Amino acid sequence: MHDEIAMIEKNQTWQLDDQKNQTWQLVDHPKNREIIGVKWIFKIKFNQDGSIQKHKARLVARGFSQKPSIDFYETFAPVARLETIRTLIALAAQKRWKIYQLDVKSAFLNGALKEEVYMEQPQGFLAGGEENKVYKLRKALYGLKQAPRTCVC
């Protein structure tokens, strides 16, 4: 969980507080905005022999609570059609081209948000004395309706 929070902070997903030299800014609950809840998702990664490789935790926004035209405007995600992929693979085989594959880790977490989105503090990481405050998101988080659209892949 600490690694996930560190990655989110390194990526500057939350609003920065300029007065505190790059610490993460908690803001008061805005009266005209809903606060998006978050949830921890835990997964165990295994090696091929069945032994545990690592325990993984991911912080996910509860995007199902977002409202259109308030928390998001578009949900388009640029995804290639299966027919297009098949055509490219067939062309590469015919021309004897090499094919490479890559996976962009945390791709959804790099896109800047256009909308104002506020998120509750993650369970287990509440700021002492500021439990009623929320984070203002600068970048997308897994689970947000607009996360695929903001992806800069």
Foldseek 3Di string as FASTA:
>chain_A
DVVQVVVLLVLVFFDADVVVPGDGDWAADDPPDDAWEKDKDWDFDADPVGHTPDIDIFIATQQVPDDDPAQDPDQDADDDDPVVVVVVVVVCVVVVHDDDDDDDPPQLFNFFDPHWHWYQDDPPDADPPPNNTITTTGGDGHNHSRSNVRGPD
